Amino acid sequence: MDINPIDLFGIILYNGTMKDTADIKKVLKVLLRKSQGLSRLKRIDEMGRGLAILNMHVVRQKLHSGISVVSYETIDYIDALLKRAKHTRENPKRILKQFALNY
């Protein structure tokens, strides 16, 4: 069975496996819920802070029990996704220029 690594919004997911996709969506859902009611840039910053806290929690779990709730790869992927989102929010003209060149 082939798994499509692109979700409904056109975002390329981590490596196309269902486990990683589910973990990514689960973590993003929690981060979005916790940062509700803020402007877009502040929301991305707040999600970054929440992701850093989750990363510290994962490190502590790995140290003490050897197992963690979320993998490091998932956290790294979400961090890269948030950095891209913040960059596009801060530089909209550049993104529009690239979009115009593509079509």
C-alpha atoms as a PDB file:
ATOM      1  CA  MET A   1       0.000   0.000   0.000  1.00  0.00           C
ATOM      2  CA  ASP A   2       1.438   3.373  -1.027  1.00  0.00           C
ATOM      3  CA  ILE A   3       1.314   6.206   1.485  1.00  0.00           C
ATOM      4  CA  ASN A   4       1.109   9.726   0.129  1.00  0.00           C
ATOM      5  CA  PRO A   5       3.610  11.942   1.998  1.00  0.00           C
ATOM      6  CA  ILE A   6       1.606  15.108   1.190  1.00  0.00           C
ATOM      7  CA  ASP A   7      -1.415  16.008   3.313  1.00  0.00           C
ATOM      8  CA  LEU A   8      -4.534  17.936   2.242  1.00  0.00           C
ATOM      9  CA  PHE A   9      -2.856  21.336   2.557  1.00  0.00           C
ATOM     10  CA  GLY A  10       0.124  20.430   0.366  1.00  0.00           C
ATOM     11  CA  ILE A  11       2.579  20.221   3.260  1.00  0.00           C
ATOM     12  CA  ILE A  12       5.162  17.513   2.730  1.00  0.00           C
ATOM     13  CA  LEU A  13       5.128  15.388   5.826  1.00  0.00           C
ATOM     14  CA  TYR A  14       8.225  14.000   7.523  1.00  0.00           C
ATOM     15  CA  ASN A  15       8.891  10.724   5.723  1.00  0.00           C
ATOM     16  CA  GLY A  16       5.463   9.473   4.748  1.00  0.00           C
ATOM     17  CA  THR A  17       4.978   6.879   7.463  1.00  0.00           C
ATOM     18  CA  MET A  18       1.645   6.877   9.221  1.00  0.00           C
ATOM     19  CA  LYS A  19       3.156   6.881  12.715  1.00  0.00           C
ATOM     20  CA  ASP A  20       5.212  10.001  12.103  1.00  0.00           C
ATOM     21  CA  THR A  21       2.333  11.740  10.343  1.00  0.00           C
ATOM     22  CA  ALA A  22       0.006  11.012  13.246  1.00  0.00           C
ATOM     23  CA  ASP A  23       2.587  12.231  15.774  1.00  0.00           C
ATOM     24  CA  ILE A  24       3.194  15.435  13.834  1.00  0.00           C
ATOM     25  CA  LYS A  25      -0.502  16.208  13.565  1.00  0.00           C
ATOM     26  CA  LYS A  26      -1.053  15.387  17.244  1.00  0.00           C
ATOM     27  CA  VAL A  27       1.708  17.720  18.429  1.00  0.00           C
ATOM     28  CA  LEU A  28       0.644  20.507  16.055  1.00  0.00           C
ATOM     29  CA  LYS A  29      -2.952  20.208  17.259  1.00  0.00           C
ATOM     30  CA  VAL A  30      -1.880  20.645  20.887  1.00  0.00           C
ATOM     31  CA  LEU A  31       0.415  23.573  20.059  1.00  0.00           C
ATOM     32  CA  LEU A  32      -2.315  25.307  18.041  1.00  0.00           C
ATOM     33  CA  ARG A  33      -4.852  24.858  20.821  1.00  0.00           C
ATOM     34  CA  LYS A  34      -2.481  26.298  23.428  1.00  0.00           C
ATOM     35  CA  SER A  35      -1.638  29.358  21.317  1.00  0.00           C
ATOM     36  CA  GLN A  36      -5.210  30.306  20.499  1.00  0.00           C
ATOM     37  CA  GLY A  37      -6.233  33.977  20.452  1.00  0.00           C
ATOM     38  CA  LEU A  38      -2.908  35.499  19.398  1.00  0.00           C
ATOM     39  CA  SER A  39      -1.815  37.172  16.182  1.00  0.00           C
ATOM     40  CA  ARG A  40      -0.080  34.980  13.614  1.00  0.00           C
ATOM     41  CA  LEU A  41       3.520  35.909  14.416  1.00  0.00           C
ATOM     42  CA  LYS A  42       2.944  35.776  18.179  1.00  0.00           C
ATOM     43  CA  ARG A  43       1.207  32.440  17.722  1.00  0.00           C
ATOM     44  CA  ILE A  44       4.226  31.004  15.887  1.00  0.00           C
ATOM     45  CA  ASP A  45       6.532  32.300  18.645  1.00  0.00           C
ATOM     46  CA  GLU A  46       4.307  30.772  21.333  1.00  0.00           C
ATOM     47  CA  MET A  47       4.215  27.468  19.464  1.00  0.00           C
ATOM     48  CA  GLY A  48       8.028  27.558  19.312  1.00  0.00           C
ATOM     49  CA  ARG A  49       8.193  28.041  23.087  1.00  0.00           C
ATOM     50  CA  GLY A  50       5.786  25.147  23.602  1.00  0.00           C
ATOM     51  CA  LEU A  51       7.866  22.966  21.302  1.00  0.00           C
ATOM     52  CA  ALA A  52      11.029  23.805  23.272  1.00  0.00           C
ATOM     53  CA  ILE A  53       9.282  22.789  26.494  1.00  0.00           C
ATOM     54  CA  LEU A  54       8.126  19.546  24.869  1.00  0.00           C
ATOM     55  CA  ASN A  55      11.694  18.906  23.707  1.00  0.00           C
ATOM     56  CA  MET A  56      13.002  19.299  27.267  1.00  0.00           C
ATOM     57  CA  HIS A  57      10.309  16.915  28.493  1.00  0.00           C
ATOM     58  CA  VAL A  58      11.283  14.327  25.863  1.00  0.00           C
ATOM     59  CA  VAL A  59      14.964  14.611  26.824  1.00  0.00           C
ATOM     60  CA  ARG A  60      14.068  14.065  30.482  1.00  0.00           C
ATOM     61  CA  GLN A  61      11.908  11.039  29.619  1.00  0.00           C
ATOM     62  CA  LYS A  62      14.681   9.514  27.486  1.00  0.00           C
ATOM     63  CA  LEU A  63      17.183  10.011  30.308  1.00  0.00           C
ATOM     64  CA  HIS A  64      15.072   8.405  33.017  1.00  0.00           C
ATOM     65  CA  SER A  65      13.080   5.678  31.291  1.00  0.00           C
ATOM     66  CA  GLY A  66      14.572   5.317  27.816  1.00  0.00           C
ATOM     67  CA  ILE A  67      11.193   5.837  26.123  1.00  0.00           C
ATOM     68  CA  SER A  68       9.558   9.099  25.099  1.00  0.00           C
ATOM     69  CA  VAL A  69       6.152  10.231  23.911  1.00  0.00           C
ATOM     70  CA  VAL A  70       7.452  11.926  20.749  1.00  0.00           C
ATOM     71  CA  SER A  71      10.586  11.235  18.712  1.00  0.00           C
ATOM     72  CA  TYR A  72      13.363  13.772  18.196  1.00  0.00           C
ATOM     73  CA  GLU A  73      12.778  13.664  14.436  1.00  0.00           C
ATOM     74  CA  THR A  74       9.166  14.763  14.887  1.00  0.00           C
ATOM     75  CA  ILE A  75      10.210  17.696  17.060  1.00  0.00           C
ATOM     76  CA  ASP A  76      12.920  18.694  14.565  1.00  0.00           C
ATOM     77  CA  TYR A  77      10.438  18.548  11.678  1.00  0.00           C
ATOM     78  CA  ILE A  78       7.886  20.715  13.507  1.00  0.00           C
ATOM     79  CA  ASP A  79      10.624  23.188  14.450  1.00  0.00           C
ATOM     80  CA  ALA A  80      11.636  23.498  10.791  1.00  0.00           C
ATOM     81  CA  LEU A  81       7.969  23.913   9.826  1.00  0.00           C
ATOM     82  CA  LEU A  82       7.520  26.730  12.350  1.00  0.00           C
ATOM     83  CA  LYS A  83      10.682  28.477  11.119  1.00  0.00           C
ATOM     84  CA  ARG A  84       9.405  28.324   7.534  1.00  0.00           C
ATOM     85  CA  ALA A  85       6.010  29.664   8.589  1.00  0.00           C
ATOM     86  CA  LYS A  86       7.598  32.532  10.512  1.00  0.00           C
ATOM     87  CA  HIS A  87       9.849  33.376   7.568  1.00  0.00           C
ATOM     88  CA  THR A  88       6.898  33.508   5.167  1.00  0.00           C
ATOM     89  CA  ARG A  89       4.918  35.718   7.569  1.00  0.00           C
ATOM     90  CA  GLU A  90       7.803  38.145   7.955  1.00  0.00           C
ATOM     91  CA  ASN A  91       8.681  38.277   4.224  1.00  0.00           C
ATOM     92  CA  PRO A  92       5.436  38.079   2.226  1.00  0.00           C
ATOM     93  CA  LYS A  93       6.753  39.970  -0.847  1.00  0.00           C
ATOM     94  CA  ARG A  94       9.446  37.403  -1.505  1.00  0.00           C
ATOM     95  CA  ILE A  95       6.943  34.550  -1.362  1.00  0.00           C
ATOM     96  CA  LEU A  96       4.563  36.326  -3.743  1.00  0.00           C
ATOM     97  CA  LYS A  97       7.418  36.952  -6.168  1.00  0.00           C
ATOM     98  CA  GLN A  98       8.319  33.236  -6.158  1.00  0.00           C
ATOM     99  CA  PHE A  99       4.671  32.343  -6.630  1.00  0.00           C
ATOM    100  CA  ALA A 100       4.412  34.631  -9.652  1.00  0.00           C
ATOM    101  CA  LEU A 101       7.542  33.112 -11.204  1.00  0.00           C
ATOM    102  CA  ASN A 102       6.157  29.580 -10.826  1.00  0.00           C
ATOM    103  CA  TYR A 103       3.032  30.346 -12.837  1.00  0.00           C
END
